[in-house]
Amino acid sequence: MNRNKTAAITTACVGMAVGAAAYMMSGNNAKSRTKKLRKSTGRALRQVGDFIDNVSYMMK
């Protein structure tokens, strides 16, 4: 059961990263917009990583 949760979370993270990359490559790529998106994507991925760490700590 734990592997299924980990796989689902990993899949969600990969999906977010791919979606962010696709968004950055499509349409108008203003430098400021791209920079903001990279910053917010990095922040979101760090938060997801912290969440995964907390959940794994609680399961120990």
Protein backbone atom coordinates (compact mmCIF):
# COMPACT_ATOMS: atom_id res chain seq x y z
CA MET A 1 0.00 0.00 0.00
CA ASN A 2 2.85 2.37 0.80
CA ARG A 3 4.39 1.81 -2.65
CA ASN A 4 1.13 2.76 -4.33
CA LYS A 5 1.01 6.08 -2.46
CA THR A 6 4.64 6.82 -3.26
CA ALA A 7 4.10 5.99 -6.93
CA ALA A 8 1.03 8.25 -7.06
CA ILE A 9 2.89 11.16 -5.48
CA THR A 10 5.86 10.66 -7.80
CA THR A 11 3.57 10.56 -10.82
CA ALA A 12 1.89 13.78 -9.69
CA CYS A 13 5.27 15.52 -9.29
CA VAL A 14 6.43 14.39 -12.72
CA GLY A 15 3.14 15.54 -14.23
CA MET A 16 3.52 18.98 -12.67
CA ALA A 17 7.07 19.29 -13.96
CA VAL A 18 6.09 18.22 -17.48
CA GLY A 19 3.11 20.57 -17.47
CA ALA A 20 5.24 23.48 -16.35
CA ALA A 21 7.83 22.74 -19.04
CA ALA A 22 5.15 22.50 -21.73
CA TYR A 23 3.60 25.76 -20.57
CA MET A 24 6.97 27.52 -20.70
CA MET A 25 7.64 26.31 -24.25
CA SER A 26 4.24 27.27 -25.67
CA GLY A 27 2.93 30.70 -26.66
CA ASN A 28 4.56 33.95 -25.60
CA ASN A 29 7.73 33.41 -23.67
CA ALA A 30 8.35 36.72 -22.03
CA LYS A 31 11.46 36.52 -19.88
CA SER A 32 9.76 37.84 -16.77
CA ARG A 33 6.88 35.37 -17.09
CA THR A 34 9.28 32.47 -17.62
CA LYS A 35 11.38 33.54 -14.67
CA LYS A 36 8.29 33.77 -12.43
CA LEU A 37 7.09 30.37 -13.58
CA ARG A 38 10.45 28.75 -12.90
CA LYS A 39 10.55 30.28 -9.45
CA SER A 40 7.02 29.19 -8.57
CA THR A 41 7.56 25.71 -10.02
CA GLY A 42 10.72 25.29 -7.97
CA ARG A 43 8.91 26.46 -4.87
CA ALA A 44 6.01 24.05 -5.51
CA LEU A 45 8.36 21.12 -6.05
CA ARG A 46 10.20 21.92 -2.83
CA GLN A 47 6.89 22.01 -0.95
CA VAL A 48 5.88 18.65 -2.42
CA GLY A 49 9.25 17.24 -1.38
CA ASP A 50 8.78 18.54 2.15
CA PHE A 51 5.30 17.02 2.23
CA ILE A 52 6.65 13.64 1.12
CA ASP A 53 9.37 13.81 3.78
CA ASN A 54 6.80 14.60 6.46
CA VAL A 55 4.50 11.77 5.39
CA SER A 56 7.36 9.28 5.29
CA TYR A 57 8.47 10.46 8.74
CA MET A 58 4.96 9.95 10.13
CA MET A 59 4.81 6.41 8.69
CA LYS A 60 8.01 5.31 10.45
